[in-house]
Amino acid sequence: MISTGSELQEVGEPPSQGKIYNSNMFLFSALIENLGIKTIPIGIAPDNITKIATHIKTALKKADLVIIYGGVSSGDYDLGKLACRYTTTEQPVN
């Protein structure tokens, strides 16, 4: 599981201005694990296609399924979708 968003910080870290806690990781992990599926938190990827793609590559080495959540939109500004393309093609996405 990969959380995306430059505004996120890990739960337990001292509060930072302009940041919010990555509380959805706990919600999604609990829901999925309730189905009997093990989750592997990969961490927070900032709003950057290359960094999200790096997290995806790490996740693919550890898991059979990768869940990416966060972001602002679908369409042209869906960085998770663009990072997936970048990860599979090894070419930068414009």
C-alpha atoms as a PDB file:
ATOM      1  CA  MET A   1       0.000   0.000   0.000  1.00  0.00           C
ATOM      2  CA  ILE A   2       1.302   3.396  -1.025  1.00  0.00           C
ATOM      3  CA  SER A   3      -0.013   6.703   0.271  1.00  0.00           C
ATOM      4  CA  THR A   4       0.518   9.666  -2.038  1.00  0.00           C
ATOM      5  CA  GLY A   5       0.569  13.328  -1.162  1.00  0.00           C
ATOM      6  CA  SER A   6       3.186  15.896  -0.230  1.00  0.00           C
ATOM      7  CA  GLU A   7       0.903  17.035   2.592  1.00  0.00           C
ATOM      8  CA  LEU A   8       1.125  13.700   4.426  1.00  0.00           C
ATOM      9  CA  GLN A   9       3.265  12.824   7.403  1.00  0.00           C
ATOM     10  CA  GLU A  10       3.471   9.628   9.424  1.00  0.00           C
ATOM     11  CA  VAL A  11       1.318   9.207  12.502  1.00  0.00           C
ATOM     12  CA  GLY A  12       3.443   9.745  15.604  1.00  0.00           C
ATOM     13  CA  GLU A  13       5.660  12.424  14.097  1.00  0.00           C
ATOM     14  CA  PRO A  14       5.396  15.877  15.685  1.00  0.00           C
ATOM     15  CA  PRO A  15       2.773  17.990  13.862  1.00  0.00           C
ATOM     16  CA  SER A  16       4.149  20.114  11.027  1.00  0.00           C
ATOM     17  CA  GLN A  17       2.512  23.190   9.547  1.00  0.00           C
ATOM     18  CA  GLY A  18       0.605  22.400   6.362  1.00  0.00           C
ATOM     19  CA  LYS A  19       0.775  18.637   6.966  1.00  0.00           C
ATOM     20  CA  ILE A  20      -1.851  16.043   7.859  1.00  0.00           C
ATOM     21  CA  TYR A  21      -1.388  12.601   9.320  1.00  0.00           C
ATOM     22  CA  ASN A  22      -1.442   9.544   7.074  1.00  0.00           C
ATOM     23  CA  SER A  23      -4.404   8.103   8.984  1.00  0.00           C
ATOM     24  CA  ASN A  24      -5.938   6.443   5.910  1.00  0.00           C
ATOM     25  CA  MET A  25      -3.144   3.855   5.964  1.00  0.00           C
ATOM     26  CA  PHE A  26      -4.583   2.461   9.200  1.00  0.00           C
ATOM     27  CA  LEU A  27      -8.151   2.491   7.892  1.00  0.00           C
ATOM     28  CA  PHE A  28      -7.334   0.772   4.598  1.00  0.00           C
ATOM     29  CA  SER A  29      -4.987  -1.727   6.277  1.00  0.00           C
ATOM     30  CA  ALA A  30      -7.666  -2.699   8.803  1.00  0.00           C
ATOM     31  CA  LEU A  31     -10.350  -3.101   6.147  1.00  0.00           C
ATOM     32  CA  ILE A  32      -8.138  -5.237   3.925  1.00  0.00           C
ATOM     33  CA  GLU A  33      -6.719  -7.331   6.764  1.00  0.00           C
ATOM     34  CA  ASN A  34     -10.287  -7.965   7.948  1.00  0.00           C
ATOM     35  CA  LEU A  35     -10.671  -9.872   4.665  1.00  0.00           C
ATOM     36  CA  GLY A  36      -7.728 -12.076   5.603  1.00  0.00           C
ATOM     37  CA  ILE A  37      -5.235 -10.324   3.326  1.00  0.00           C
ATOM     38  CA  LYS A  38      -1.818  -9.283   4.639  1.00  0.00           C
ATOM     39  CA  THR A  39      -0.930  -5.659   3.933  1.00  0.00           C
ATOM     40  CA  ILE A  40       2.554  -4.251   3.452  1.00  0.00           C
ATOM     41  CA  PRO A  41       2.731  -0.480   4.007  1.00  0.00           C
ATOM     42  CA  ILE A  42       5.358   0.955   1.660  1.00  0.00           C
ATOM     43  CA  GLY A  43       5.067   4.502   2.974  1.00  0.00           C
ATOM     44  CA  ILE A  44       4.305   7.977   1.754  1.00  0.00           C
ATOM     45  CA  ALA A  45       5.269   9.110  -1.735  1.00  0.00           C
ATOM     46  CA  PRO A  46       5.197  12.876  -2.300  1.00  0.00           C
ATOM     47  CA  ASP A  47       3.384  14.368  -5.285  1.00  0.00           C
ATOM     48  CA  ASN A  48       6.151  13.528  -7.728  1.00  0.00           C
ATOM     49  CA  ILE A  49       5.818  11.000 -10.560  1.00  0.00           C
ATOM     50  CA  THR A  50       9.366   9.668 -10.210  1.00  0.00           C
ATOM     51  CA  LYS A  51       9.079   9.191  -6.446  1.00  0.00           C
ATOM     52  CA  ILE A  52       5.687   7.513  -6.750  1.00  0.00           C
ATOM     53  CA  ALA A  53       7.132   5.234  -9.456  1.00  0.00           C
ATOM     54  CA  THR A  54      10.031   4.332  -7.138  1.00  0.00           C
ATOM     55  CA  HIS A  55       7.545   3.382  -4.405  1.00  0.00           C
ATOM     56  CA  ILE A  56       5.612   1.285  -6.933  1.00  0.00           C
ATOM     57  CA  LYS A  57       8.775  -0.572  -7.973  1.00  0.00           C
ATOM     58  CA  THR A  58       9.568  -1.276  -4.326  1.00  0.00           C
ATOM     59  CA  ALA A  59       6.029  -2.506  -3.712  1.00  0.00           C
ATOM     60  CA  LEU A  60       6.081  -4.790  -6.753  1.00  0.00           C
ATOM     61  CA  LYS A  61       9.134  -6.564  -5.331  1.00  0.00           C
ATOM     62  CA  LYS A  62       7.289  -7.255  -2.069  1.00  0.00           C
ATOM     63  CA  ALA A  63       3.654  -7.871  -3.026  1.00  0.00           C
ATOM     64  CA  ASP A  64       1.347  -9.397  -5.622  1.00  0.00           C
ATOM     65  CA  LEU A  65      -1.026  -6.417  -5.576  1.00  0.00           C
ATOM     66  CA  VAL A  66      -0.235  -2.729  -5.130  1.00  0.00           C
ATOM     67  CA  ILE A  67      -2.812  -0.269  -3.828  1.00  0.00           C
ATOM     68  CA  ILE A  68      -2.070   3.409  -4.370  1.00  0.00           C
ATOM     69  CA  TYR A  69      -4.321   5.981  -2.774  1.00  0.00           C
ATOM     70  CA  GLY A  70      -4.397   9.727  -2.461  1.00  0.00           C
ATOM     71  CA  GLY A  71      -3.979  12.345  -5.125  1.00  0.00           C
ATOM     72  CA  VAL A  72      -6.151  15.200  -6.249  1.00  0.00           C
ATOM     73  CA  SER A  73      -8.013  13.927  -9.219  1.00  0.00           C
ATOM     74  CA  SER A  74      -8.498  11.481 -11.994  1.00  0.00           C
ATOM     75  CA  GLY A  75      -7.392  12.328 -15.492  1.00  0.00           C
ATOM     76  CA  ASP A  76      -4.360  14.415 -16.425  1.00  0.00           C
ATOM     77  CA  TYR A  77      -3.458  15.199 -12.811  1.00  0.00           C
ATOM     78  CA  ASP A  78      -3.661  11.634 -11.504  1.00  0.00           C
ATOM     79  CA  LEU A  79       0.007  11.172 -10.619  1.00  0.00           C
ATOM     80  CA  GLY A  80      -0.517   7.574  -9.475  1.00  0.00           C
ATOM     81  CA  LYS A  81      -1.794   6.616 -12.915  1.00  0.00           C
ATOM     82  CA  LEU A  82       1.066   8.448 -14.625  1.00  0.00           C
ATOM     83  CA  ALA A  83       3.620   6.843 -12.290  1.00  0.00           C
ATOM     84  CA  CYS A  84       2.245   3.390 -13.136  1.00  0.00           C
ATOM     85  CA  ARG A  85       2.820   4.113 -16.814  1.00  0.00           C
ATOM     86  CA  TYR A  86       6.325   5.350 -16.050  1.00  0.00           C
ATOM     87  CA  THR A  87       7.038   2.226 -13.987  1.00  0.00           C
ATOM     88  CA  THR A  88       5.948  -0.159 -16.733  1.00  0.00           C
ATOM     89  CA  THR A  89       7.535   1.652 -19.681  1.00  0.00           C
ATOM     90  CA  GLU A  90      10.715   2.936 -18.015  1.00  0.00           C
ATOM     91  CA  GLN A  91      10.159   6.156 -19.971  1.00  0.00           C
ATOM     92  CA  PRO A  92       9.275   9.545 -18.458  1.00  0.00           C
ATOM     93  CA  VAL A  93       5.641  10.501 -18.915  1.00  0.00           C
ATOM     94  CA  ASN A  94       4.814  14.006 -20.131  1.00  0.00           C
END
